[in-house]
Amino acid sequence: MSRDSSDLDLVRSFYGANVQSVGPSFPALGWYTPETQRARFEVFTLLGDFSASQVLDAGCGLGDLFRFLKEKHYDGLSYTGLDVMADFIAQARHRYQQHGEARFFQLDWSEWIEPCDWLLCSGALNLKQPDPYAYAERQLRYFIALARRGVAVNFLSAQTPQSIDEGLFYYYDSVRILALAKTLTPFVALYQDYLPNDFTLFLYPNK
């Protein structure tokens, strides 16, 4: 089932304005710094061994996660990046498609039906929704149905000592997200020890 059109309109409006302002570059992604982006990526490596596996990056932006995974030297990794923003996908292809392990598609992730081993989603669920927890549950349910081995998603945290509320982003209660995740699978983990305003959820379909 596709994501609600209002959600996709929100995504296109936010990132489209950023691209118009600064072009398809790092600032358009909405990350504060490359260091905070990398900190989130580093937590993903705790999910499991990505060697000889298929990784799906839901909301891949410019493909920076692929570059990060390449630096980690996972042998036999096959990467697929999905994003609804045409400018991001064009730039990601320009940067990384020459690598045989990477492919990029301009596509809403809810339209993707090909199973993967690992599904990673970094920062793509943080735009404010009318019902954030119902929205998060729908996306997590879809993600875990696609992933054979595991899912990792990071969220902005309501437990942050200093919320930066611009009316655009939603800060989730990690306890509530963890309880929600346990309705989908008993095999979950949550990390909130790497940045003050962020947490990462792991879901495993089986053990």
Foldseek 3Di string as FASTA:
>chain_A
DFDDVVLVVLVCVQLVVLCVVPNLDDVSVVDPDVVVVVLLLVVVPVQDQQALWEEEEQACFQVVSVVVVVVVPRHNHAYEYEALDPRSQVNNCVVPVVPVRYDYDNDHPLPDDAATAEYEYEPPLWFDDPDSVVVVLVVVLSRQVRHQFKYKYKYFAPQAPDDDCPVTTDHDHVVVVVVSLCVRPVDKDKDDPRDRTMIMIMDTNHD
